[in-house]
Amino acid sequence: MDIKVQPRPFDGERDLALGLEKMFTEEWGGPKSALALAYLRDTVIPDLIYCLKKNWHFLDNPTFREILASKLNTQFAYPPAFAEGLAGDVLARAKGVLGVSPVANNHPWQPWEIILRMFTIGYRLPEIVQKTGYSEATWIYFVRNI
């Protein structure tokens, strides 16, 4: 049995990138230095877009919001309280560009169900990270806190 995680095909990737950059820099008072801004543009935003595209059907799921907040905290070193608010704003911005999936499942265990199924049928952690778009640090953090 192979679990396939289908990303939503959309053409608004540039719009989402610009919206996220504006949100990070203007609304959240983001990076002021050229190096930090380059890291935001070259690493943080593309990784977030990849994760949001892979998991667009979970944009309204409260567990996915927690996973995204943990990703911001563990992968990009945002403080936990800051990451929670930022995750909500990132999801709101993504819903504005991507829309909401017609097959959205808001059951709190839904993202974990996919991850745990992949784990039990033999996928290794790097493969799960690649297929779901969650960072390895985020996945390990949540497994330890279950």
N, C-alpha and C. Protein backbone atom coordinates (compact mmCIF):
# COMPACT_ATOMS: atom_id res chain seq x y z
N MET A 1 0.84 -1.17 0.00
CA MET A 1 0.00 0.00 0.00
C MET A 1 0.89 1.24 0.00
N ASP A 2 0.64 2.11 -0.91
CA ASP A 2 1.44 3.33 -1.02
C ASP A 2 0.54 4.52 -0.77
N ILE A 3 0.93 5.36 0.16
CA ILE A 3 0.16 6.56 0.47
C ILE A 3 0.70 7.68 -0.39
N LYS A 4 -0.16 8.28 -1.15
CA LYS A 4 0.25 9.38 -2.01
C LYS A 4 -0.33 10.68 -1.45
N VAL A 5 0.54 11.63 -1.22
CA VAL A 5 0.11 12.95 -0.77
C VAL A 5 0.15 13.84 -2.00
N GLN A 6 -1.01 14.27 -2.43
CA GLN A 6 -1.11 15.05 -3.66
C GLN A 6 -1.09 16.54 -3.37
N PRO A 7 -0.12 17.26 -3.91
CA PRO A 7 -0.14 18.72 -3.75
C PRO A 7 -1.22 19.32 -4.64
N ARG A 8 -1.71 20.45 -4.23
CA ARG A 8 -2.70 21.16 -5.03
C ARG A 8 -1.99 21.89 -6.14
N PRO A 9 -2.33 21.64 -7.39
CA PRO A 9 -1.69 22.40 -8.47
C PRO A 9 -2.27 23.82 -8.51
N PHE A 10 -1.42 24.79 -8.46
CA PHE A 10 -1.89 26.17 -8.55
C PHE A 10 -0.81 27.04 -9.15
N ASP A 11 -1.25 28.13 -9.71
CA ASP A 11 -0.33 29.05 -10.37
C ASP A 11 0.01 30.26 -9.51
N GLY A 12 -0.54 30.32 -8.32
CA GLY A 12 -0.36 31.50 -7.49
C GLY A 12 0.84 31.43 -6.58
N GLU A 13 1.84 30.63 -6.91
CA GLU A 13 3.01 30.49 -6.05
C GLU A 13 3.72 31.83 -5.86
N ARG A 14 3.82 32.60 -6.92
CA ARG A 14 4.48 33.92 -6.82
C ARG A 14 3.66 34.85 -5.94
N ASP A 15 2.32 34.81 -6.09
CA ASP A 15 1.46 35.65 -5.25
C ASP A 15 1.59 35.27 -3.78
N LEU A 16 1.65 33.97 -3.51
CA LEU A 16 1.80 33.51 -2.13
C LEU A 16 3.17 33.93 -1.58
N ALA A 17 4.21 33.82 -2.39
CA ALA A 17 5.55 34.23 -1.94
C ALA A 17 5.59 35.71 -1.61
N LEU A 18 5.01 36.53 -2.47
CA LEU A 18 4.99 37.98 -2.21
C LEU A 18 4.16 38.30 -0.98
N GLY A 19 3.03 37.62 -0.83
CA GLY A 19 2.18 37.84 0.34
C GLY A 19 2.87 37.44 1.64
N LEU A 20 3.56 36.31 1.62
CA LEU A 20 4.29 35.87 2.82
C LEU A 20 5.44 36.81 3.13
N GLU A 21 6.16 37.26 2.11
CA GLU A 21 7.26 38.20 2.35
C GLU A 21 6.74 39.50 2.96
N LYS A 22 5.65 39.99 2.42
CA LYS A 22 5.05 41.22 2.97
C LYS A 22 4.62 41.01 4.42
N MET A 23 4.02 39.86 4.68
CA MET A 23 3.57 39.57 6.03
C MET A 23 4.76 39.49 7.00
N PHE A 24 5.82 38.80 6.61
CA PHE A 24 6.99 38.68 7.48
C PHE A 24 7.66 40.02 7.73
N THR A 25 7.77 40.84 6.69
CA THR A 25 8.53 42.08 6.83
C THR A 25 7.72 43.24 7.37
N GLU A 26 6.47 43.39 6.92
CA GLU A 26 5.68 44.54 7.33
C GLU A 26 4.85 44.27 8.59
N GLU A 27 4.07 43.21 8.57
CA GLU A 27 3.15 42.97 9.67
C GLU A 27 3.85 42.43 10.91
N TRP A 28 4.89 41.60 10.72
CA TRP A 28 5.58 41.00 11.85
C TRP A 28 6.92 41.66 12.14
N GLY A 29 7.23 42.74 11.45
CA GLY A 29 8.47 43.47 11.72
C GLY A 29 9.70 42.61 11.50
N GLY A 30 9.72 41.91 10.40
CA GLY A 30 10.74 40.91 10.10
C GLY A 30 12.12 41.46 9.89
N PRO A 31 12.95 40.72 9.18
CA PRO A 31 14.37 41.04 9.07
C PRO A 31 14.64 42.41 8.45
N LYS A 32 15.62 43.05 9.01
CA LYS A 32 16.03 44.37 8.51
C LYS A 32 17.33 44.31 7.73
N SER A 33 18.18 43.33 8.04
CA SER A 33 19.47 43.24 7.35
C SER A 33 19.30 42.54 6.01
N ALA A 34 20.21 42.80 5.09
CA ALA A 34 20.16 42.20 3.76
C ALA A 34 20.35 40.69 3.83
N LEU A 35 21.23 40.22 4.73
CA LEU A 35 21.48 38.80 4.86
C LEU A 35 20.24 38.07 5.39
N ALA A 36 19.60 38.64 6.40
CA ALA A 36 18.39 38.02 6.95
C ALA A 36 17.25 38.02 5.94
N LEU A 37 17.13 39.08 5.18
CA LEU A 37 16.10 39.15 4.15
C LEU A 37 16.37 38.12 3.05
N ALA A 38 17.64 37.93 2.69
CA ALA A 38 17.99 36.91 1.70
C ALA A 38 17.64 35.52 2.22
N TYR A 39 17.89 35.25 3.51
CA TYR A 39 17.53 33.96 4.11
C TYR A 39 16.02 33.76 4.09
N LEU A 40 15.29 34.81 4.38
CA LEU A 40 13.83 34.73 4.34
C LEU A 40 13.35 34.40 2.93
N ARG A 41 13.89 35.10 1.93
CA ARG A 41 13.45 34.90 0.54
C ARG A 41 13.92 33.57 -0.05
N ASP A 42 15.13 33.15 0.30
CA ASP A 42 15.72 31.97 -0.33
C ASP A 42 15.46 30.67 0.42
N THR A 43 15.14 30.74 1.71
CA THR A 43 14.98 29.51 2.49
C THR A 43 13.61 29.40 3.14
N VAL A 44 13.26 30.38 3.95
CA VAL A 44 12.03 30.28 4.75
C VAL A 44 10.79 30.25 3.86
N ILE A 45 10.63 31.22 2.99
CA ILE A 45 9.42 31.31 2.17
C ILE A 45 9.30 30.14 1.20
N PRO A 46 10.34 29.75 0.46
CA PRO A 46 10.17 28.58 -0.42
C PRO A 46 9.82 27.30 0.34
N ASP A 47 10.40 27.12 1.53
CA ASP A 47 10.08 25.93 2.31
C ASP A 47 8.64 25.96 2.80
N LEU A 48 8.17 27.12 3.23
CA LEU A 48 6.78 27.24 3.66
C LEU A 48 5.82 27.00 2.49
N ILE A 49 6.14 27.54 1.34
CA ILE A 49 5.28 27.34 0.16
C ILE A 49 5.22 25.86 -0.20
N TYR A 50 6.36 25.19 -0.16
CA TYR A 50 6.38 23.76 -0.45
C TYR A 50 5.48 22.99 0.53
N CYS A 51 5.62 23.30 1.81
CA CYS A 51 4.83 22.63 2.85
C CYS A 51 3.34 22.93 2.68
N LEU A 52 2.99 24.17 2.40
CA LEU A 52 1.58 24.55 2.24
C LEU A 52 0.98 23.92 0.99
N LYS A 53 1.74 23.83 -0.10
CA LYS A 53 1.23 23.20 -1.31
C LYS A 53 1.00 21.71 -1.09
N LYS A 54 1.93 21.05 -0.41
CA LYS A 54 1.79 19.62 -0.15
C LYS A 54 0.60 19.32 0.75
N ASN A 55 0.32 20.21 1.67
CA ASN A 55 -0.68 19.96 2.71
C ASN A 55 -1.85 20.93 2.63
N TRP A 56 -2.18 21.41 1.46
CA TRP A 56 -3.18 22.46 1.33
C TRP A 56 -4.55 22.01 1.80
N HIS A 57 -4.83 20.72 1.80
CA HIS A 57 -6.13 20.24 2.25
C HIS A 57 -6.25 20.24 3.78
N PHE A 58 -5.17 20.60 4.50
CA PHE A 58 -5.21 20.70 5.96
C PHE A 58 -5.19 22.15 6.46
N LEU A 59 -5.38 23.11 5.60
CA LEU A 59 -5.22 24.51 6.01
C LEU A 59 -6.16 24.92 7.15
N ASP A 60 -7.32 24.29 7.27
CA ASP A 60 -8.25 24.60 8.36
C ASP A 60 -8.11 23.66 9.55
N ASN A 61 -7.20 22.72 9.48
CA ASN A 61 -7.07 21.71 10.52
C ASN A 61 -6.27 22.28 11.70
N PRO A 62 -6.80 22.20 12.92
CA PRO A 62 -6.08 22.74 14.08
C PRO A 62 -4.76 22.03 14.36
N THR A 63 -4.68 20.74 14.07
CA THR A 63 -3.43 20.01 14.29
C THR A 63 -2.37 20.47 13.30
N PHE A 64 -2.76 20.75 12.06
CA PHE A 64 -1.80 21.25 11.09
C PHE A 64 -1.27 22.62 11.53
N ARG A 65 -2.12 23.43 12.12
CA ARG A 65 -1.66 24.73 12.63
C ARG A 65 -0.59 24.52 13.70
N GLU A 66 -0.79 23.55 14.58
CA GLU A 66 0.21 23.25 15.61
C GLU A 66 1.51 22.75 14.97
N ILE A 67 1.38 21.91 13.96
CA ILE A 67 2.56 21.39 13.27
C ILE A 67 3.32 22.53 12.60
N LEU A 68 2.59 23.45 11.97
CA LEU A 68 3.24 24.59 11.32
C LEU A 68 3.93 25.49 12.34
N ALA A 69 3.28 25.72 13.48
CA ALA A 69 3.90 26.52 14.54
C ALA A 69 5.18 25.85 15.03
N SER A 70 5.15 24.53 15.17
CA SER A 70 6.34 23.81 15.59
C SER A 70 7.44 23.88 14.54
N LYS A 71 7.04 23.84 13.27
CA LYS A 71 8.01 23.97 12.17
C LYS A 71 8.68 25.34 12.24
N LEU A 72 7.91 26.38 12.46
CA LEU A 72 8.47 27.73 12.57
C LEU A 72 9.40 27.82 13.77
N ASN A 73 9.04 27.15 14.85
CA ASN A 73 9.85 27.18 16.05
C ASN A 73 11.13 26.37 15.90
N THR A 74 11.03 25.13 15.43
CA THR A 74 12.19 24.25 15.40
C THR A 74 13.09 24.48 14.20
N GLN A 75 12.49 24.73 13.04
CA GLN A 75 13.29 24.84 11.83
C GLN A 75 13.80 26.26 11.59
N PHE A 76 13.01 27.26 11.99
CA PHE A 76 13.40 28.64 11.70
C PHE A 76 13.62 29.47 12.96
N ALA A 77 13.63 28.83 14.13
CA ALA A 77 14.00 29.44 15.41
C ALA A 77 13.13 30.61 15.84
N TYR A 78 11.85 30.58 15.49
CA TYR A 78 10.93 31.58 16.04
C TYR A 78 10.53 31.13 17.43
N PRO A 79 10.45 32.04 18.41
CA PRO A 79 10.02 31.65 19.75
C PRO A 79 8.61 31.04 19.71
N PRO A 80 8.30 30.08 20.59
CA PRO A 80 7.02 29.38 20.53
C PRO A 80 5.79 30.30 20.53
N ALA A 81 5.75 31.30 21.40
CA ALA A 81 4.59 32.19 21.44
C ALA A 81 4.46 32.99 20.14
N PHE A 82 5.58 33.41 19.59
CA PHE A 82 5.60 34.14 18.33
C PHE A 82 5.19 33.24 17.17
N ALA A 83 5.67 31.98 17.20
CA ALA A 83 5.39 31.03 16.11
C ALA A 83 3.91 30.69 16.03
N GLU A 84 3.21 30.64 17.15
CA GLU A 84 1.79 30.31 17.13
C GLU A 84 0.98 31.37 16.39
N GLY A 85 1.22 32.62 16.70
CA GLY A 85 0.52 33.71 16.01
C GLY A 85 0.90 33.79 14.54
N LEU A 86 2.18 33.61 14.28
CA LEU A 86 2.67 33.66 12.91
C LEU A 86 2.08 32.52 12.08
N ALA A 87 1.95 31.34 12.66
CA ALA A 87 1.37 30.19 11.95
C ALA A 87 -0.07 30.51 11.54
N GLY A 88 -0.82 31.13 12.43
CA GLY A 88 -2.19 31.51 12.09
C GLY A 88 -2.24 32.49 10.94
N ASP A 89 -1.34 33.46 10.95
CA ASP A 89 -1.29 34.44 9.86
C ASP A 89 -0.83 33.81 8.54
N VAL A 90 0.13 32.89 8.61
CA VAL A 90 0.60 32.20 7.40
C VAL A 90 -0.55 31.39 6.80
N LEU A 91 -1.30 30.68 7.64
CA LEU A 91 -2.42 29.89 7.14
C LEU A 91 -3.52 30.77 6.57
N ALA A 92 -3.79 31.89 7.21
CA ALA A 92 -4.81 32.81 6.67
C ALA A 92 -4.38 33.34 5.30
N ARG A 93 -3.10 33.69 5.17
CA ARG A 93 -2.59 34.19 3.89
C ARG A 93 -2.66 33.09 2.84
N ALA A 94 -2.29 31.87 3.22
CA ALA A 94 -2.32 30.74 2.28
C ALA A 94 -3.75 30.43 1.84
N LYS A 95 -4.70 30.49 2.77
CA LYS A 95 -6.11 30.25 2.41
C LYS A 95 -6.61 31.31 1.45
N GLY A 96 -6.13 32.53 1.62
CA GLY A 96 -6.53 33.60 0.72
C GLY A 96 -6.06 33.38 -0.71
N VAL A 97 -4.88 32.80 -0.86
CA VAL A 97 -4.32 32.56 -2.20
C VAL A 97 -4.74 31.19 -2.74
N LEU A 98 -4.62 30.15 -1.92
CA LEU A 98 -4.89 28.79 -2.37
C LEU A 98 -6.37 28.42 -2.34
N GLY A 99 -7.11 29.06 -1.45
CA GLY A 99 -8.48 28.64 -1.23
C GLY A 99 -8.51 27.45 -0.28
N VAL A 100 -9.70 26.98 0.01
CA VAL A 100 -9.85 25.85 0.92
C VAL A 100 -10.18 24.61 0.10
N SER A 101 -9.61 23.51 0.46
CA SER A 101 -9.81 22.25 -0.25
C SER A 101 -11.26 21.79 -0.13
N PRO A 102 -11.84 21.32 -1.23
CA PRO A 102 -13.20 20.79 -1.15
C PRO A 102 -13.27 19.46 -0.40
N VAL A 103 -12.13 18.80 -0.22
CA VAL A 103 -12.11 17.54 0.51
C VAL A 103 -11.38 17.69 1.84
N ALA A 104 -11.39 18.88 2.39
CA ALA A 104 -10.69 19.14 3.65
C ALA A 104 -11.25 18.26 4.76
N ASN A 105 -10.34 17.73 5.56
CA ASN A 105 -10.74 16.93 6.70
C ASN A 105 -10.18 17.62 7.94
N ASN A 106 -11.06 18.13 8.77
CA ASN A 106 -10.62 18.90 9.92
C ASN A 106 -10.52 18.07 11.19
N HIS A 107 -10.56 16.74 11.04
CA HIS A 107 -10.38 15.90 12.21
C HIS A 107 -8.96 16.10 12.73
N PRO A 108 -8.77 16.33 14.04
CA PRO A 108 -7.44 16.65 14.56
C PRO A 108 -6.37 15.59 14.31
N TRP A 109 -6.76 14.33 14.11
CA TRP A 109 -5.76 13.29 13.90
C TRP A 109 -5.39 13.10 12.45
N GLN A 110 -6.02 13.80 11.52
CA GLN A 110 -5.81 13.53 10.10
C GLN A 110 -4.35 13.68 9.65
N PRO A 111 -3.63 14.74 9.95
CA PRO A 111 -2.23 14.77 9.49
C PRO A 111 -1.41 13.64 10.11
N TRP A 112 -1.69 13.33 11.37
CA TRP A 112 -0.93 12.28 12.05
C TRP A 112 -1.25 10.91 11.50
N GLU A 113 -2.48 10.72 11.06
CA GLU A 113 -2.87 9.43 10.50
C GLU A 113 -2.01 9.10 9.27
N ILE A 114 -1.81 10.08 8.43
CA ILE A 114 -0.97 9.86 7.23
C ILE A 114 0.46 9.56 7.64
N ILE A 115 1.01 10.34 8.56
CA ILE A 115 2.39 10.15 8.99
C ILE A 115 2.57 8.79 9.65
N LEU A 116 1.67 8.42 10.55
CA LEU A 116 1.81 7.15 11.25
C LEU A 116 1.60 5.96 10.32
N ARG A 117 0.70 6.08 9.36
CA ARG A 117 0.55 5.00 8.37
C ARG A 117 1.82 4.82 7.56
N MET A 118 2.40 5.92 7.13
CA MET A 118 3.63 5.83 6.36
C MET A 118 4.73 5.18 7.19
N PHE A 119 4.79 5.53 8.46
CA PHE A 119 5.80 4.98 9.35
C PHE A 119 5.60 3.48 9.55
N THR A 120 4.35 3.06 9.74
CA THR A 120 4.09 1.64 10.01
C THR A 120 4.24 0.76 8.77
N ILE A 121 4.08 1.30 7.58
CA ILE A 121 4.25 0.45 6.39
C ILE A 121 5.69 0.45 5.89
N GLY A 122 6.57 1.11 6.63
CA GLY A 122 7.98 0.95 6.31
C GLY A 122 8.71 2.16 5.77
N TYR A 123 8.05 3.29 5.66
CA TYR A 123 8.77 4.49 5.22
C TYR A 123 9.73 4.92 6.32
N ARG A 124 10.90 5.37 5.92
CA ARG A 124 11.85 5.92 6.87
C ARG A 124 11.56 7.40 7.07
N LEU A 125 12.10 7.95 8.14
CA LEU A 125 11.84 9.35 8.48
C LEU A 125 12.18 10.32 7.35
N PRO A 126 13.33 10.21 6.67
CA PRO A 126 13.62 11.14 5.56
C PRO A 126 12.60 11.05 4.42
N GLU A 127 12.07 9.85 4.18
CA GLU A 127 11.05 9.70 3.14
C GLU A 127 9.74 10.35 3.55
N ILE A 128 9.38 10.21 4.82
CA ILE A 128 8.16 10.84 5.33
C ILE A 128 8.29 12.35 5.26
N VAL A 129 9.46 12.86 5.63
CA VAL A 129 9.72 14.30 5.57
C VAL A 129 9.57 14.80 4.13
N GLN A 130 10.12 14.05 3.18
CA GLN A 130 10.06 14.45 1.77
C GLN A 130 8.63 14.43 1.25
N LYS A 131 7.86 13.42 1.59
CA LYS A 131 6.51 13.29 1.05
C LYS A 131 5.50 14.24 1.69
N THR A 132 5.69 14.56 2.98
CA THR A 132 4.71 15.41 3.67
C THR A 132 5.09 16.88 3.68
N GLY A 133 6.38 17.19 3.60
CA GLY A 133 6.80 18.58 3.65
C GLY A 133 7.06 19.09 5.05
N TYR A 134 6.85 18.26 6.07
CA TYR A 134 7.17 18.66 7.44
C TYR A 134 8.66 18.47 7.66
N SER A 135 9.26 19.32 8.46
CA SER A 135 10.68 19.16 8.73
C SER A 135 10.91 17.98 9.67
N GLU A 136 12.09 17.42 9.62
CA GLU A 136 12.42 16.28 10.49
C GLU A 136 12.36 16.69 11.96
N ALA A 137 12.83 17.88 12.27
CA ALA A 137 12.81 18.35 13.65
C ALA A 137 11.37 18.49 14.15
N THR A 138 10.47 18.96 13.31
CA THR A 138 9.07 19.08 13.70
C THR A 138 8.47 17.72 13.96
N TRP A 139 8.75 16.78 13.09
CA TRP A 139 8.20 15.44 13.23
C TRP A 139 8.68 14.81 14.53
N ILE A 140 9.97 14.90 14.81
CA ILE A 140 10.55 14.33 16.03
C ILE A 140 9.96 15.01 17.26
N TYR A 141 9.78 16.33 17.21
CA TYR A 141 9.21 17.08 18.33
C TYR A 141 7.82 16.57 18.68
N PHE A 142 6.99 16.36 17.68
CA PHE A 142 5.63 15.91 17.94
C PHE A 142 5.56 14.45 18.35
N VAL A 143 6.45 13.61 17.84
CA VAL A 143 6.47 12.22 18.26
C VAL A 143 6.83 12.13 19.74
N ARG A 144 7.75 12.95 20.18
CA ARG A 144 8.15 12.95 21.59
C ARG A 144 7.04 13.48 22.50
N ASN A 145 6.17 14.32 21.98
CA ASN A 145 5.13 14.94 22.82
C ASN A 145 3.75 14.32 22.67
N ILE A 146 3.66 13.18 22.04
CA ILE A 146 2.35 12.52 21.90
C ILE A 146 1.97 11.91 23.22
